[in-house]
Structures are given as structure tokens and as C-alpha cells.
Amino acid sequence: MEGVMGILRLRVKRGTNLAIRDRTRGTSDPYVVATLDHQKTKTKIVRDNCNPVWEDDLTLTIKDPKVPIKLTVYDKDTFSEDDNMGVTSVDVNPYFECLQMGSNLHHLPVGTKLETVQPNEHNRLVEESHIIWNNKAITQDMVLRLTDVESGEIEVQIEITPIENHRLSIFKT
């Protein structure tokens, strides 16, 4: 896994108040596409639901912590191009900043809060969120506001596991 700094597990949990794209039925058939660098993966489609529960795990590799994860919600259409239902992104650099603590992390109890992240104009968080040490990985549960759409939020969990032999000093910005 040349050049890979970490493994990202993205659990796409649910969507809330997503936009209606199938006007005749008053609903949508949403799914989420996660893009990182040149990698792309997607959740299952949830039919006829603007408050879908996906509970899908998507896995991507991280080569550059400065490249954000892009999450795009689409409405699946049978006879035309799928409709965009909003977009959001997650900056992975704060996770690698936490990992710079190196071996000190392994001495922390599972569940230790490494950083509190407040909502701001850059991160699209709906509410305060925490980056947590979770036994060889760091996690963050968050609700993200979708942009370029009239309404919608998605709830996700990020888990990043660093590649053991990778030097953490390269993560410095």
C-alpha cells in the first residue's frame, strides 16, 4: 500500500429531511457517494424515503491528509440521470494532527476525547462533535449539513486507522 497513510472507514448512518426529487410521489430514492482522491464508493439506495437509514460502511485509503472527503447525496432515477440532493465534505487533516501525539495515544483509555470540534463556516457541522481515541484508531460521530440544496443533513461516523509503519511526522502541515 505504497503512499497510504491511513485507512478510512466511513459509516453513513442516516439522512434527515432530504430534498424531495420525485415530485409525483413526493419522495426520493437517496444514496450517498463518497469520493476521496480518485476513489469513489457508495451506499445502498433507500427507496421512497427522505429520512433514510443506510448504516453502510464504506472504506477508502488516505494518501494526502489535505484532501477532504466529498459526500454527495443523489436520488436514483430509472430513466434519467440521477438527481443531486446536496453535497458536504469532511476535512481529514484534524485527525492526523491528533495522531501526531504518536505513541502517547496508546497509553490513553479508550473513549478519550482528543479534540472538540465546533461548527463553523468551513466544516458544515450541525452541532459540536468530538474526535475520540478508540484503540488503534480515532473516530468522530457527526451530523453534516448538505449544501447546494433546499434542505438535508446526513449523520456519519469517521474512523481513521493509521498505517503502522508510516512516519507520523509527515502529517505536519
Protein backbone atom coordinates (compact mmCIF):
# COMPACT_ATOMS: atom_id res chain seq x y z
CA MET A 1 0.00 0.00 0.00
CA GLU A 2 2.55 2.49 -1.25
CA GLY A 3 1.95 6.03 -0.07
CA VAL A 4 -1.10 5.15 2.05
CA MET A 5 -1.11 6.99 5.38
CA GLY A 6 -4.30 5.56 6.81
CA ILE A 7 -7.45 3.56 6.28
CA LEU A 8 -10.71 5.48 6.47
CA ARG A 9 -13.90 3.69 7.43
CA LEU A 10 -16.90 5.89 6.81
CA ARG A 11 -20.15 4.71 8.34
CA VAL A 12 -23.00 6.53 6.62
CA LYS A 13 -25.77 6.23 9.20
CA ARG A 14 -28.82 8.22 8.09
CA GLY A 15 -30.21 11.23 6.29
CA THR A 16 -32.67 13.73 7.73
CA ASN A 17 -35.14 15.96 5.90
CA LEU A 18 -33.57 15.28 2.49
CA ALA A 19 -34.93 17.11 -0.52
CA ILE A 20 -37.85 15.71 -2.50
CA ARG A 21 -36.75 14.91 -6.04
CA ASP A 22 -39.54 12.57 -7.19
CA ARG A 23 -42.29 15.20 -7.23
CA THR A 24 -45.07 12.87 -8.44
CA ARG A 25 -44.51 10.55 -5.45
CA GLY A 26 -43.44 13.33 -3.02
CA THR A 27 -40.28 11.46 -2.00
CA SER A 28 -36.79 10.44 -3.16
CA ASP A 29 -34.64 7.31 -3.55
CA PRO A 30 -31.40 8.55 -1.90
CA TYR A 31 -27.90 7.16 -1.80
CA VAL A 32 -24.54 8.70 -0.85
CA VAL A 33 -21.36 8.74 -2.95
CA ALA A 34 -18.09 9.22 -1.04
CA THR A 35 -15.11 10.49 -3.04
CA LEU A 36 -11.51 10.80 -1.84
CA ASP A 37 -8.70 11.48 -4.30
CA HIS A 38 -9.53 9.16 -7.22
CA GLN A 39 -11.52 6.70 -5.11
CA LYS A 40 -15.28 6.53 -5.20
CA THR A 41 -17.69 4.32 -3.28
CA LYS A 42 -21.40 4.49 -2.50
CA THR A 43 -24.12 3.35 -0.14
CA LYS A 44 -27.16 1.30 -0.97
CA ILE A 45 -30.25 3.05 -2.31
CA VAL A 46 -33.14 3.54 0.11
CA ARG A 47 -36.40 3.66 -1.85
CA ASP A 48 -39.15 6.22 -1.22
CA ASN A 49 -37.63 7.89 1.83
CA CYS A 50 -36.45 11.42 2.60
CA ASN A 51 -35.25 10.25 6.05
CA PRO A 52 -33.27 7.16 5.01
CA VAL A 53 -31.31 4.84 7.29
CA TRP A 54 -28.32 3.44 5.42
CA GLU A 55 -25.98 2.09 8.14
CA ASP A 56 -23.46 1.37 5.37
CA ASP A 57 -19.71 1.07 5.92
CA LEU A 58 -17.53 2.48 3.14
CA THR A 59 -13.74 2.07 3.10
CA LEU A 60 -11.20 4.40 1.47
CA THR A 61 -7.44 4.86 1.75
CA ILE A 62 -5.85 8.18 2.68
CA LYS A 63 -2.74 9.27 0.82
CA ASP A 64 -2.90 13.03 1.41
CA PRO A 65 -4.46 14.41 4.63
CA LYS A 66 -5.06 17.76 2.90
CA VAL A 67 -7.63 16.25 0.51
CA PRO A 68 -11.16 16.29 2.01
CA ILE A 69 -13.73 13.53 1.72
CA LYS A 70 -16.57 14.70 -0.52
CA LEU A 71 -20.04 13.30 0.22
CA THR A 72 -22.75 13.77 -2.38
CA VAL A 73 -26.34 12.61 -1.93
CA TYR A 74 -28.22 11.55 -5.08
CA ASP A 75 -31.75 10.49 -5.92
CA LYS A 76 -31.74 7.30 -8.01
CA ASP A 77 -33.72 7.65 -11.24
CA THR A 78 -34.57 4.80 -13.59
CA PHE A 79 -34.97 6.58 -16.91
CA SER A 80 -32.85 9.72 -16.46
CA GLU A 81 -29.66 10.93 -14.82
CA ASP A 82 -29.69 10.70 -11.01
CA ASP A 83 -30.63 13.99 -9.30
CA ASN A 84 -28.21 15.77 -6.97
CA MET A 85 -29.65 16.13 -3.45
CA GLY A 86 -26.79 18.06 -1.86
CA VAL A 87 -23.11 17.87 -1.04
CA THR A 88 -20.88 18.17 2.02
CA SER A 89 -17.27 17.41 2.85
CA VAL A 90 -15.04 16.35 5.74
CA ASP A 91 -11.52 17.65 6.31
CA VAL A 92 -9.31 14.71 7.41
CA ASN A 93 -6.31 16.82 8.45
CA PRO A 94 -7.52 17.31 12.08
CA TYR A 95 -7.42 13.53 12.56
CA PHE A 96 -3.79 13.38 11.52
CA GLU A 97 -3.00 16.31 13.79
CA CYS A 98 -4.38 14.21 16.65
CA LEU A 99 -2.32 11.23 15.50
CA GLN A 100 0.85 13.31 15.82
CA MET A 101 0.65 12.51 19.52
CA GLY A 102 2.17 9.20 18.36
CA SER A 103 2.84 6.53 20.95
CA ASN A 104 1.25 8.69 23.67
CA LEU A 105 -2.14 7.74 22.22
CA HIS A 106 -1.68 4.07 23.08
CA HIS A 107 -1.48 4.97 26.77
CA LEU A 108 -4.85 6.72 26.72
CA PRO A 109 -8.04 4.97 27.82
CA VAL A 110 -10.46 4.05 25.03
CA GLY A 111 -13.04 6.82 24.64
CA THR A 112 -10.66 9.69 25.46
CA LYS A 113 -11.69 12.96 23.77
CA LEU A 114 -8.72 14.22 21.76
CA GLU A 115 -10.37 17.32 20.33
CA THR A 116 -13.71 19.10 20.40
CA VAL A 117 -14.81 20.46 17.03
CA GLN A 118 -17.23 23.39 16.96
CA PRO A 119 -19.48 24.10 13.97
CA ASN A 120 -18.15 26.82 11.68
CA GLU A 121 -18.48 28.01 8.08
CA HIS A 122 -15.80 25.55 6.92
CA ASN A 123 -16.79 22.21 8.45
CA ARG A 124 -20.59 22.13 7.87
CA LEU A 125 -21.19 20.55 11.28
CA VAL A 126 -24.71 20.95 12.64
CA GLU A 127 -23.54 20.61 16.25
CA GLU A 128 -20.39 20.22 18.35
CA SER A 129 -18.55 16.96 17.76
CA HIS A 130 -15.59 15.14 19.33
CA ILE A 131 -12.59 13.30 17.93
CA ILE A 132 -12.19 10.22 20.14
CA TRP A 133 -9.33 7.75 20.72
CA ASN A 134 -10.72 4.30 20.11
CA ASN A 135 -7.97 1.65 20.48
CA LYS A 136 -5.59 2.00 17.48
CA ALA A 137 -7.98 4.31 15.62
CA ILE A 138 -9.66 7.67 16.04
CA THR A 139 -13.35 8.25 15.47
CA GLN A 140 -15.78 11.10 15.17
CA ASP A 141 -19.58 11.00 15.03
CA MET A 142 -21.05 14.00 13.27
CA VAL A 143 -24.12 15.45 11.62
CA LEU A 144 -23.29 17.40 8.46
CA ARG A 145 -25.45 19.98 6.71
CA LEU A 146 -25.84 19.50 2.97
CA THR A 147 -25.16 22.50 0.71
CA ASP A 148 -26.43 23.39 -2.77
CA VAL A 149 -29.88 22.09 -1.80
CA GLU A 150 -33.02 23.36 -0.06
CA SER A 151 -32.72 21.02 2.97
CA GLY A 152 -30.99 17.98 4.35
CA GLU A 153 -28.43 16.61 6.76
CA ILE A 154 -26.51 13.34 6.93
CA GLU A 155 -25.17 11.58 10.01
CA VAL A 156 -21.83 9.84 9.61
CA GLN A 157 -19.04 8.32 11.66
CA ILE A 158 -15.42 8.63 10.55
CA GLU A 159 -12.85 6.11 11.75
CA ILE A 160 -9.21 6.51 10.73
CA THR A 161 -6.61 3.86 11.40
CA PRO A 162 -3.04 4.95 10.64
CA ILE A 163 -0.75 2.60 8.77
CA GLU A 164 1.58 1.28 11.48
CA ASN A 165 4.90 1.73 9.66
CA HIS A 166 4.15 5.22 8.37
CA ARG A 167 6.09 8.07 9.98
CA LEU A 168 3.61 10.45 11.58
CA SER A 169 6.00 13.38 11.23
CA ILE A 170 4.97 13.70 7.58
CA PHE A 171 1.50 14.74 8.68
CA LYS A 172 2.70 18.12 9.90
CA THR A 173 1.16 20.98 7.98
